[in-house]
N, C-alpha and C. Protein backbone atom coordinates (compact mmCIF):
# COMPACT_ATOMS: atom_id res chain seq x y z
N UNK A 1 0.84 -18.95 6.56
CA UNK A 1 0.65 -18.22 5.33
C UNK A 1 0.76 -16.72 5.62
N UNK A 2 1.35 -16.02 4.71
CA UNK A 2 1.51 -14.57 4.81
C UNK A 2 0.16 -13.88 4.77
N UNK A 3 0.12 -12.70 5.40
CA UNK A 3 -1.05 -11.84 5.26
C UNK A 3 -0.68 -10.71 4.30
N UNK A 4 -1.65 -10.29 3.51
CA UNK A 4 -1.48 -9.13 2.63
C UNK A 4 -2.16 -7.95 3.30
N UNK A 5 -1.36 -6.95 3.62
CA UNK A 5 -1.84 -5.76 4.31
C UNK A 5 -1.67 -4.58 3.38
N UNK A 6 -2.77 -3.87 3.16
CA UNK A 6 -2.72 -2.70 2.27
C UNK A 6 -2.74 -1.43 3.10
N UNK A 7 -1.84 -0.52 2.77
CA UNK A 7 -1.71 0.76 3.45
C UNK A 7 -1.93 1.86 2.43
N UNK A 8 -2.95 2.70 2.69
CA UNK A 8 -3.33 3.72 1.72
C UNK A 8 -3.64 5.04 2.39
N UNK A 9 -3.07 6.12 1.85
CA UNK A 9 -3.39 7.47 2.30
C UNK A 9 -4.61 7.96 1.53
N UNK A 10 -5.56 8.58 2.23
CA UNK A 10 -6.79 9.06 1.58
C UNK A 10 -7.27 10.34 2.26
N UNK A 11 -7.80 11.27 1.49
CA UNK A 11 -8.35 12.51 2.02
C UNK A 11 -9.79 12.29 2.45
N UNK A 12 -10.36 13.26 3.12
CA UNK A 12 -11.76 13.16 3.54
C UNK A 12 -12.71 13.02 2.35
N UNK A 13 -12.33 13.57 1.20
CA UNK A 13 -13.19 13.45 0.02
C UNK A 13 -12.79 12.28 -0.88
N UNK A 14 -12.01 11.34 -0.34
CA UNK A 14 -11.73 10.09 -1.03
C UNK A 14 -10.58 10.10 -2.01
N UNK A 15 -9.79 11.16 -2.05
CA UNK A 15 -8.69 11.25 -3.01
C UNK A 15 -7.47 10.50 -2.47
N UNK A 16 -6.86 9.70 -3.35
CA UNK A 16 -5.65 8.97 -2.98
C UNK A 16 -4.44 9.44 -3.78
N UNK A 17 -4.68 10.12 -4.89
CA UNK A 17 -3.59 10.56 -5.76
C UNK A 17 -2.80 11.72 -5.18
N UNK A 18 -1.51 11.70 -5.40
CA UNK A 18 -0.57 12.77 -5.04
C UNK A 18 -0.55 13.15 -3.57
N UNK A 19 -0.39 12.18 -2.65
CA UNK A 19 -0.37 12.53 -1.23
C UNK A 19 0.77 13.48 -0.86
N UNK A 20 1.81 13.52 -1.69
CA UNK A 20 2.90 14.45 -1.39
C UNK A 20 2.44 15.91 -1.47
N UNK A 21 1.34 16.16 -2.18
CA UNK A 21 0.82 17.53 -2.31
C UNK A 21 -0.06 17.92 -1.13
N UNK A 22 -0.76 16.97 -0.52
CA UNK A 22 -1.71 17.31 0.53
C UNK A 22 -1.41 16.68 1.89
N UNK A 23 -0.47 15.75 1.96
CA UNK A 23 -0.26 15.03 3.21
C UNK A 23 0.91 15.47 4.06
N UNK A 24 1.87 16.13 3.47
CA UNK A 24 3.12 16.43 4.16
C UNK A 24 2.99 17.13 5.50
N UNK A 25 2.07 18.06 5.61
CA UNK A 25 1.95 18.82 6.86
C UNK A 25 1.48 17.96 8.03
N UNK A 26 0.96 16.74 7.73
CA UNK A 26 0.46 15.85 8.78
C UNK A 26 1.45 14.76 9.16
N UNK A 27 2.56 14.69 8.43
CA UNK A 27 3.56 13.67 8.70
C UNK A 27 4.43 14.15 9.85
N UNK A 28 4.43 13.37 10.92
CA UNK A 28 5.20 13.72 12.10
C UNK A 28 5.83 12.45 12.67
N UNK A 29 6.41 12.55 13.85
CA UNK A 29 7.08 11.39 14.45
C UNK A 29 6.10 10.25 14.74
N UNK A 30 4.89 10.59 15.15
CA UNK A 30 3.89 9.56 15.45
C UNK A 30 3.46 8.84 14.16
N UNK A 31 3.28 9.60 13.10
CA UNK A 31 2.98 9.04 11.77
C UNK A 31 4.12 8.12 11.35
N UNK A 32 5.35 8.59 11.51
CA UNK A 32 6.52 7.82 11.10
C UNK A 32 6.63 6.52 11.90
N UNK A 33 6.32 6.58 13.19
CA UNK A 33 6.41 5.37 14.02
C UNK A 33 5.39 4.33 13.59
N UNK A 34 4.17 4.77 13.27
CA UNK A 34 3.14 3.82 12.83
C UNK A 34 3.53 3.21 11.48
N UNK A 35 4.00 4.07 10.57
CA UNK A 35 4.44 3.58 9.26
C UNK A 35 5.58 2.58 9.41
N UNK A 36 6.52 2.88 10.32
CA UNK A 36 7.64 1.98 10.55
C UNK A 36 7.16 0.63 11.09
N UNK A 37 6.16 0.67 11.99
CA UNK A 37 5.65 -0.59 12.56
C UNK A 37 5.02 -1.46 11.48
N UNK A 38 4.32 -0.86 10.53
CA UNK A 38 3.75 -1.64 9.42
C UNK A 38 4.85 -2.23 8.55
N UNK A 39 5.84 -1.41 8.23
CA UNK A 39 6.93 -1.87 7.38
C UNK A 39 7.74 -2.96 8.06
N UNK A 40 7.92 -2.83 9.37
CA UNK A 40 8.70 -3.84 10.11
C UNK A 40 7.99 -5.19 10.15
N UNK A 41 6.66 -5.20 10.04
CA UNK A 41 5.91 -6.47 10.01
C UNK A 41 6.11 -7.21 8.70
N UNK A 42 6.49 -6.48 7.68
CA UNK A 42 6.52 -7.03 6.32
C UNK A 42 7.86 -7.68 5.98
N UNK A 43 7.75 -8.73 5.17
CA UNK A 43 8.93 -9.36 4.60
C UNK A 43 9.01 -9.11 3.10
N UNK A 44 7.98 -8.44 2.56
CA UNK A 44 7.94 -8.12 1.14
C UNK A 44 6.96 -6.97 0.92
N UNK A 45 7.11 -6.33 -0.24
CA UNK A 45 6.25 -5.22 -0.63
C UNK A 45 5.59 -5.57 -1.95
N UNK A 46 4.30 -5.24 -2.07
CA UNK A 46 3.56 -5.42 -3.30
C UNK A 46 3.09 -4.05 -3.78
N UNK A 47 3.26 -3.79 -5.07
CA UNK A 47 2.87 -2.51 -5.66
C UNK A 47 2.21 -2.74 -7.01
N UNK A 48 1.27 -1.87 -7.35
CA UNK A 48 0.80 -1.80 -8.72
C UNK A 48 1.82 -1.01 -9.53
N UNK A 49 1.68 -1.02 -10.82
CA UNK A 49 2.71 -0.40 -11.67
C UNK A 49 2.80 1.11 -11.46
N UNK A 50 1.67 1.80 -11.35
CA UNK A 50 1.73 3.25 -11.16
C UNK A 50 2.42 3.62 -9.85
N UNK A 51 2.07 2.92 -8.79
CA UNK A 51 2.71 3.18 -7.50
C UNK A 51 4.19 2.85 -7.57
N UNK A 52 4.51 1.73 -8.21
CA UNK A 52 5.92 1.36 -8.37
C UNK A 52 6.69 2.45 -9.09
N UNK A 53 6.16 2.95 -10.19
CA UNK A 53 6.89 3.97 -10.96
C UNK A 53 7.19 5.19 -10.10
N UNK A 54 6.21 5.62 -9.29
CA UNK A 54 6.44 6.76 -8.40
C UNK A 54 7.46 6.44 -7.32
N UNK A 55 7.32 5.28 -6.70
CA UNK A 55 8.25 4.89 -5.64
C UNK A 55 9.67 4.70 -6.19
N UNK A 56 9.79 4.04 -7.35
CA UNK A 56 11.11 3.75 -7.92
C UNK A 56 11.84 5.03 -8.32
N UNK A 57 11.09 6.09 -8.57
CA UNK A 57 11.71 7.36 -8.92
C UNK A 57 12.27 8.08 -7.69
N UNK A 58 11.79 7.72 -6.50
CA UNK A 58 12.23 8.48 -5.32
C UNK A 58 12.94 7.64 -4.25
N UNK A 59 12.44 6.45 -3.93
CA UNK A 59 13.00 5.71 -2.80
C UNK A 59 14.46 5.32 -2.96
N UNK A 60 14.93 4.91 -4.13
CA UNK A 60 16.35 4.54 -4.22
C UNK A 60 17.30 5.69 -3.88
N UNK A 61 16.83 6.92 -3.94
CA UNK A 61 17.67 8.09 -3.62
C UNK A 61 17.71 8.37 -2.13
N UNK A 62 16.85 7.69 -1.36
CA UNK A 62 16.77 7.91 0.08
C UNK A 62 17.57 6.84 0.81
N UNK A 63 17.98 7.17 2.00
CA UNK A 63 18.70 6.20 2.81
C UNK A 63 19.23 6.86 4.07
N UNK A 64 19.78 6.02 4.92
CA UNK A 64 20.37 6.54 6.14
C UNK A 64 19.42 6.61 7.32
N UNK A 65 18.18 6.20 7.11
CA UNK A 65 17.22 6.13 8.20
C UNK A 65 16.58 4.75 8.14
N UNK A 66 16.04 4.27 9.27
CA UNK A 66 15.51 2.89 9.29
C UNK A 66 14.41 2.63 8.28
N UNK A 67 13.50 3.59 8.07
CA UNK A 67 12.40 3.36 7.14
C UNK A 67 12.90 3.23 5.71
N UNK A 68 13.70 4.19 5.27
CA UNK A 68 14.22 4.16 3.89
C UNK A 68 15.08 2.93 3.66
N UNK A 69 15.93 2.62 4.63
CA UNK A 69 16.81 1.46 4.46
C UNK A 69 16.00 0.17 4.33
N UNK A 70 14.97 0.03 5.15
CA UNK A 70 14.13 -1.18 5.08
C UNK A 70 13.36 -1.21 3.76
N UNK A 71 12.77 -0.08 3.38
CA UNK A 71 12.01 0.00 2.13
C UNK A 71 12.89 -0.42 0.95
N UNK A 72 14.09 0.07 0.93
CA UNK A 72 14.99 -0.24 -0.19
C UNK A 72 15.52 -1.66 -0.17
N UNK A 73 15.60 -2.27 1.02
CA UNK A 73 16.18 -3.61 1.10
C UNK A 73 15.17 -4.74 0.91
N UNK A 74 13.89 -4.48 1.20
CA UNK A 74 12.89 -5.55 1.10
C UNK A 74 12.67 -5.99 -0.35
N UNK A 75 12.31 -7.27 -0.55
CA UNK A 75 11.89 -7.71 -1.87
C UNK A 75 10.60 -6.98 -2.26
N UNK A 76 10.55 -6.55 -3.51
CA UNK A 76 9.38 -5.83 -4.02
C UNK A 76 8.81 -6.59 -5.21
N UNK A 77 7.48 -6.73 -5.23
CA UNK A 77 6.79 -7.42 -6.31
C UNK A 77 5.82 -6.44 -6.93
N UNK A 78 5.81 -6.39 -8.27
CA UNK A 78 5.02 -5.39 -8.98
C UNK A 78 4.06 -6.07 -9.93
N UNK A 79 2.77 -5.77 -9.75
CA UNK A 79 1.76 -6.24 -10.69
C UNK A 79 1.75 -5.29 -11.87
N UNK A 80 2.09 -5.80 -13.04
CA UNK A 80 2.19 -4.94 -14.21
C UNK A 80 1.88 -5.72 -15.49
N UNK A 81 1.28 -5.02 -16.42
CA UNK A 81 1.07 -5.57 -17.77
C UNK A 81 2.01 -4.88 -18.75
N UNK A 82 2.72 -3.86 -18.26
CA UNK A 82 3.55 -3.03 -19.13
C UNK A 82 4.91 -3.64 -19.43
N UNK A 83 5.31 -4.66 -18.67
CA UNK A 83 6.60 -5.27 -18.91
C UNK A 83 7.73 -4.32 -18.56
N UNK A 84 8.86 -4.52 -19.18
CA UNK A 84 10.01 -3.68 -18.90
C UNK A 84 10.96 -4.34 -17.92
N UNK A 85 11.93 -3.58 -17.51
CA UNK A 85 12.95 -4.06 -16.58
C UNK A 85 12.88 -3.23 -15.31
N UNK A 86 12.83 -3.87 -14.15
CA UNK A 86 12.80 -3.11 -12.90
C UNK A 86 14.05 -2.26 -12.74
N UNK A 87 13.87 -1.06 -12.19
CA UNK A 87 14.99 -0.16 -11.96
C UNK A 87 15.34 -0.05 -10.48
N UNK A 88 14.49 -0.56 -9.61
CA UNK A 88 14.70 -0.48 -8.16
C UNK A 88 15.18 -1.84 -7.69
N UNK A 89 16.21 -1.86 -6.86
CA UNK A 89 16.80 -3.14 -6.44
C UNK A 89 15.77 -4.05 -5.78
N UNK A 90 16.01 -5.33 -5.85
CA UNK A 90 15.17 -6.36 -5.24
C UNK A 90 13.73 -6.34 -5.76
N UNK A 91 13.54 -5.95 -7.01
CA UNK A 91 12.19 -5.87 -7.58
C UNK A 91 11.98 -6.97 -8.61
N UNK A 92 10.79 -7.58 -8.53
CA UNK A 92 10.38 -8.59 -9.49
C UNK A 92 9.05 -8.16 -10.08
N UNK A 93 8.94 -8.14 -11.38
CA UNK A 93 7.66 -7.89 -12.03
C UNK A 93 6.89 -9.21 -12.09
N UNK A 94 5.67 -9.20 -11.60
CA UNK A 94 4.83 -10.39 -11.60
C UNK A 94 4.25 -10.58 -13.00
N UNK A 95 4.36 -11.77 -13.50
CA UNK A 95 3.86 -12.08 -14.83
C UNK A 95 2.56 -12.86 -14.74
N UNK A 96 1.73 -12.71 -15.75
CA UNK A 96 0.49 -13.48 -15.82
C UNK A 96 -0.58 -12.92 -14.92
N UNK A 97 -1.46 -13.80 -14.47
CA UNK A 97 -2.61 -13.43 -13.66
C UNK A 97 -2.15 -12.94 -12.29
N UNK A 98 -2.53 -11.70 -11.94
CA UNK A 98 -2.07 -11.10 -10.69
C UNK A 98 -2.58 -11.87 -9.47
N UNK A 99 -3.81 -12.33 -9.51
CA UNK A 99 -4.37 -13.07 -8.37
C UNK A 99 -3.59 -14.37 -8.14
N UNK A 100 -3.29 -15.08 -9.21
CA UNK A 100 -2.52 -16.32 -9.10
C UNK A 100 -1.12 -16.05 -8.55
N UNK A 101 -0.49 -14.99 -9.05
CA UNK A 101 0.86 -14.65 -8.62
C UNK A 101 0.88 -14.24 -7.14
N UNK A 102 -0.09 -13.45 -6.72
CA UNK A 102 -0.13 -13.00 -5.33
C UNK A 102 -0.47 -14.16 -4.40
N UNK A 103 -1.37 -15.03 -4.82
CA UNK A 103 -1.68 -16.23 -4.02
C UNK A 103 -0.42 -17.06 -3.80
N UNK A 104 0.37 -17.22 -4.84
CA UNK A 104 1.63 -17.97 -4.71
C UNK A 104 2.58 -17.28 -3.74
N UNK A 105 2.65 -15.95 -3.78
CA UNK A 105 3.50 -15.22 -2.84
C UNK A 105 3.03 -15.43 -1.40
N UNK A 106 1.72 -15.37 -1.21
CA UNK A 106 1.17 -15.54 0.14
C UNK A 106 1.42 -16.94 0.68
N UNK A 107 1.50 -17.93 -0.19
CA UNK A 107 1.72 -19.31 0.23
C UNK A 107 3.18 -19.60 0.58
N UNK A 108 4.07 -18.69 0.20
CA UNK A 108 5.50 -18.89 0.45
C UNK A 108 5.87 -18.31 1.81
N UNK A 109 6.72 -18.98 2.50
CA UNK A 109 7.32 -18.49 3.73
C UNK A 109 6.32 -17.99 4.75
N UNK A 110 6.81 -17.23 5.71
CA UNK A 110 5.99 -16.57 6.71
C UNK A 110 6.24 -15.08 6.59
N UNK A 111 5.50 -14.29 7.35
CA UNK A 111 5.68 -12.85 7.29
C UNK A 111 4.69 -12.22 6.35
N UNK A 112 4.49 -10.95 6.54
CA UNK A 112 3.45 -10.25 5.79
C UNK A 112 3.98 -9.60 4.52
N UNK A 113 3.04 -9.32 3.63
CA UNK A 113 3.30 -8.54 2.42
C UNK A 113 2.59 -7.22 2.63
N UNK A 114 3.31 -6.12 2.49
CA UNK A 114 2.72 -4.80 2.63
C UNK A 114 2.51 -4.21 1.25
N UNK A 115 1.25 -3.87 0.96
CA UNK A 115 0.91 -3.28 -0.33
C UNK A 115 0.64 -1.80 -0.14
N UNK A 116 1.29 -1.01 -0.96
CA UNK A 116 1.06 0.43 -0.94
C UNK A 116 0.22 0.81 -2.15
N UNK A 117 -0.67 1.78 -1.96
CA UNK A 117 -1.49 2.28 -3.06
C UNK A 117 -2.73 1.42 -3.26
N UNK A 118 -3.78 2.08 -3.64
CA UNK A 118 -5.05 1.39 -3.89
C UNK A 118 -5.48 1.74 -5.31
N UNK A 119 -5.72 0.73 -6.10
CA UNK A 119 -6.10 0.99 -7.48
C UNK A 119 -6.61 -0.24 -8.18
N UNK A 120 -6.29 -0.33 -9.43
CA UNK A 120 -6.81 -1.36 -10.32
C UNK A 120 -6.50 -2.78 -9.82
N UNK A 121 -5.35 -2.99 -9.26
CA UNK A 121 -4.94 -4.32 -8.80
C UNK A 121 -5.88 -4.81 -7.69
N UNK A 122 -6.41 -3.88 -6.91
CA UNK A 122 -7.25 -4.27 -5.77
C UNK A 122 -8.50 -5.03 -6.18
N UNK A 123 -9.05 -4.71 -7.33
CA UNK A 123 -10.26 -5.41 -7.75
C UNK A 123 -9.99 -6.92 -7.85
N UNK A 124 -8.90 -7.28 -8.50
CA UNK A 124 -8.56 -8.71 -8.63
C UNK A 124 -8.23 -9.31 -7.27
N UNK A 125 -7.53 -8.57 -6.43
CA UNK A 125 -7.16 -9.09 -5.12
C UNK A 125 -8.39 -9.31 -4.25
N UNK A 126 -9.33 -8.36 -4.28
CA UNK A 126 -10.56 -8.50 -3.49
C UNK A 126 -11.45 -9.62 -4.03
N UNK A 127 -11.55 -9.73 -5.36
CA UNK A 127 -12.37 -10.79 -5.96
C UNK A 127 -11.89 -12.17 -5.53
N UNK A 128 -10.61 -12.31 -5.27
CA UNK A 128 -10.03 -13.60 -4.91
C UNK A 128 -9.71 -13.69 -3.41
N UNK A 129 -10.26 -12.77 -2.64
CA UNK A 129 -10.10 -12.77 -1.17
C UNK A 129 -8.63 -12.82 -0.75
N UNK A 130 -7.81 -12.00 -1.38
CA UNK A 130 -6.38 -12.03 -1.10
C UNK A 130 -5.91 -10.91 -0.18
N UNK A 131 -6.71 -9.86 0.02
CA UNK A 131 -6.35 -8.80 0.95
C UNK A 131 -6.88 -9.18 2.33
N UNK A 132 -5.99 -9.20 3.29
CA UNK A 132 -6.37 -9.60 4.65
C UNK A 132 -6.69 -8.40 5.54
N UNK A 133 -6.09 -7.27 5.23
CA UNK A 133 -6.27 -6.12 6.12
C UNK A 133 -5.98 -4.83 5.34
N UNK A 134 -6.81 -3.83 5.58
CA UNK A 134 -6.58 -2.49 5.04
C UNK A 134 -6.19 -1.56 6.17
N UNK A 135 -5.29 -0.65 5.88
CA UNK A 135 -4.99 0.47 6.77
C UNK A 135 -5.26 1.72 5.95
N UNK A 136 -6.43 2.31 6.14
CA UNK A 136 -6.81 3.54 5.45
C UNK A 136 -6.40 4.71 6.32
N UNK A 137 -5.39 5.44 5.91
CA UNK A 137 -4.90 6.61 6.64
C UNK A 137 -5.73 7.80 6.17
N UNK A 138 -6.72 8.20 6.94
CA UNK A 138 -7.61 9.30 6.53
C UNK A 138 -7.02 10.62 7.05
N UNK A 139 -6.68 11.48 6.10
CA UNK A 139 -6.07 12.77 6.41
C UNK A 139 -7.17 13.83 6.50
N UNK A 140 -7.04 14.77 7.44
CA UNK A 140 -8.06 15.80 7.60
C UNK A 140 -7.89 16.93 6.59
N UNK A 141 -8.07 16.56 5.33
CA UNK A 141 -7.91 17.53 4.24
C UNK A 141 -8.89 17.17 3.13
N UNK A 142 -9.37 18.16 2.43
CA UNK A 142 -10.22 17.96 1.26
C UNK A 142 -9.39 18.35 0.05
N UNK A 143 -9.13 17.41 -0.82
CA UNK A 143 -8.28 17.65 -1.99
C UNK A 143 -9.05 18.31 -3.12
N UNK A 144 -10.36 18.04 -3.22
CA UNK A 144 -11.17 18.65 -4.26
C UNK A 144 -11.17 17.92 -5.58
N UNK A 145 -10.16 17.17 -5.88
CA UNK A 145 -10.11 16.43 -7.13
C UNK A 145 -8.89 15.54 -7.17
N UNK A 146 -8.97 14.53 -7.99
CA UNK A 146 -7.86 13.59 -8.13
C UNK A 146 -8.38 12.17 -8.17
N UNK A 147 -7.46 11.24 -8.24
CA UNK A 147 -7.81 9.83 -8.27
C UNK A 147 -8.48 9.47 -6.95
N UNK A 148 -9.61 8.79 -7.04
CA UNK A 148 -10.40 8.46 -5.85
C UNK A 148 -10.15 7.02 -5.38
N UNK A 149 -10.33 6.83 -4.10
CA UNK A 149 -10.17 5.52 -3.47
C UNK A 149 -11.10 4.50 -4.11
N UNK A 150 -10.55 3.39 -4.57
CA UNK A 150 -11.29 2.26 -5.13
C UNK A 150 -12.24 2.67 -6.25
N UNK A 151 -11.88 3.72 -6.97
CA UNK A 151 -12.68 4.17 -8.10
C UNK A 151 -12.78 3.05 -9.14
N UNK A 152 -13.98 2.78 -9.59
CA UNK A 152 -14.18 1.75 -10.60
C UNK A 152 -14.43 0.36 -10.05
N UNK A 153 -14.45 0.20 -8.74
CA UNK A 153 -14.74 -1.11 -8.17
C UNK A 153 -16.17 -1.51 -8.55
N UNK A 154 -16.33 -2.75 -8.96
CA UNK A 154 -17.65 -3.20 -9.40
C UNK A 154 -18.29 -4.18 -8.43
N UNK A 155 -17.53 -4.71 -7.50
CA UNK A 155 -18.07 -5.69 -6.57
C UNK A 155 -18.31 -5.06 -5.21
N UNK A 156 -19.44 -5.35 -4.63
CA UNK A 156 -19.75 -4.93 -3.27
C UNK A 156 -18.82 -5.68 -2.32
N UNK A 157 -18.15 -4.94 -1.44
CA UNK A 157 -17.24 -5.54 -0.48
C UNK A 157 -17.50 -4.95 0.89
N UNK A 158 -17.89 -5.78 1.83
CA UNK A 158 -18.09 -5.32 3.20
C UNK A 158 -16.79 -5.48 3.96
N UNK A 159 -16.51 -4.52 4.82
CA UNK A 159 -15.30 -4.55 5.62
C UNK A 159 -15.67 -4.63 7.09
N UNK A 160 -14.90 -5.39 7.82
CA UNK A 160 -15.08 -5.54 9.26
C UNK A 160 -14.09 -4.61 9.96
N UNK A 161 -14.59 -3.65 10.75
CA UNK A 161 -13.66 -2.78 11.48
C UNK A 161 -12.80 -3.60 12.44
N UNK A 162 -11.50 -3.32 12.43
CA UNK A 162 -10.58 -4.04 13.31
C UNK A 162 -9.89 -3.09 14.28
N UNK A 163 -10.14 -1.79 14.14
CA UNK A 163 -9.55 -0.83 15.06
C UNK A 163 -9.28 0.49 14.38
N UNK A 164 -8.97 1.48 15.19
CA UNK A 164 -8.56 2.79 14.69
C UNK A 164 -7.35 3.25 15.49
N UNK A 165 -6.55 4.05 14.83
CA UNK A 165 -5.40 4.66 15.47
C UNK A 165 -5.46 6.15 15.16
N UNK A 166 -5.58 6.96 16.19
CA UNK A 166 -5.59 8.41 16.01
C UNK A 166 -4.17 8.93 16.19
N UNK A 167 -3.72 9.65 15.20
CA UNK A 167 -2.39 10.25 15.24
C UNK A 167 -2.57 11.73 15.54
N UNK A 168 -1.75 12.25 16.41
CA UNK A 168 -1.90 13.61 16.92
C UNK A 168 -2.01 14.69 15.87
N UNK A 169 -1.45 14.48 14.69
CA UNK A 169 -1.51 15.48 13.64
C UNK A 169 -2.88 15.58 12.99
N UNK A 170 -3.77 14.63 13.31
CA UNK A 170 -5.12 14.63 12.75
C UNK A 170 -5.44 13.44 11.88
N UNK A 171 -4.45 12.66 11.52
CA UNK A 171 -4.68 11.46 10.72
C UNK A 171 -5.38 10.43 11.60
N UNK A 172 -6.37 9.74 11.03
CA UNK A 172 -6.99 8.61 11.71
C UNK A 172 -6.82 7.40 10.79
N UNK A 173 -6.17 6.36 11.30
CA UNK A 173 -5.97 5.16 10.52
C UNK A 173 -7.10 4.20 10.87
N UNK A 174 -7.89 3.85 9.86
CA UNK A 174 -8.97 2.88 10.03
C UNK A 174 -8.44 1.53 9.55
N UNK A 175 -8.42 0.57 10.45
CA UNK A 175 -7.96 -0.77 10.12
C UNK A 175 -9.20 -1.63 9.92
N UNK A 176 -9.30 -2.23 8.74
CA UNK A 176 -10.47 -3.04 8.38
C UNK A 176 -10.02 -4.31 7.68
N UNK A 177 -10.84 -5.34 7.81
CA UNK A 177 -10.60 -6.59 7.10
C UNK A 177 -11.81 -6.93 6.26
N UNK A 178 -11.63 -7.41 5.04
CA UNK A 178 -12.78 -7.85 4.25
C UNK A 178 -13.47 -9.00 4.96
N UNK A 179 -14.81 -8.99 4.89
CA UNK A 179 -15.60 -10.05 5.53
C UNK A 179 -15.64 -11.27 4.67
């Protein structure tokens, strides 16, 4: 069975929104190598609708490097209630109950599903024990305001530390699994 791995950028004050505004100065070759290793483990990508809209506006314009090429070629699944037609290649909008749809994806084939962004979809995924691993990329910056990590979560969720990766630019990736 596939594992669902979530990768999320977060500031010291818990902000996850607009990492392009506060994260760029910390992105280096070591950051890129770790990101590539996560993407290479995956056979599919899972996104919430807001993350999808942001990614679909930028990733199809990128290419010519291993990360962009893999990102654009992988199957992408989007949890959405908004409907519409996908604009990014290899994208499927998941219909109906997100937990049921993601469980079905996890039961298919082998290989991991990499989820980017942390938000509303996570509540349903955590309630149904569908997230296997988090990679919280903690950036050494205070954003001061913005969308916060797991804002609005109503269920207590304990995480088991599975390791840390220190990146020379100052990012520390905390790898955790729900207990």
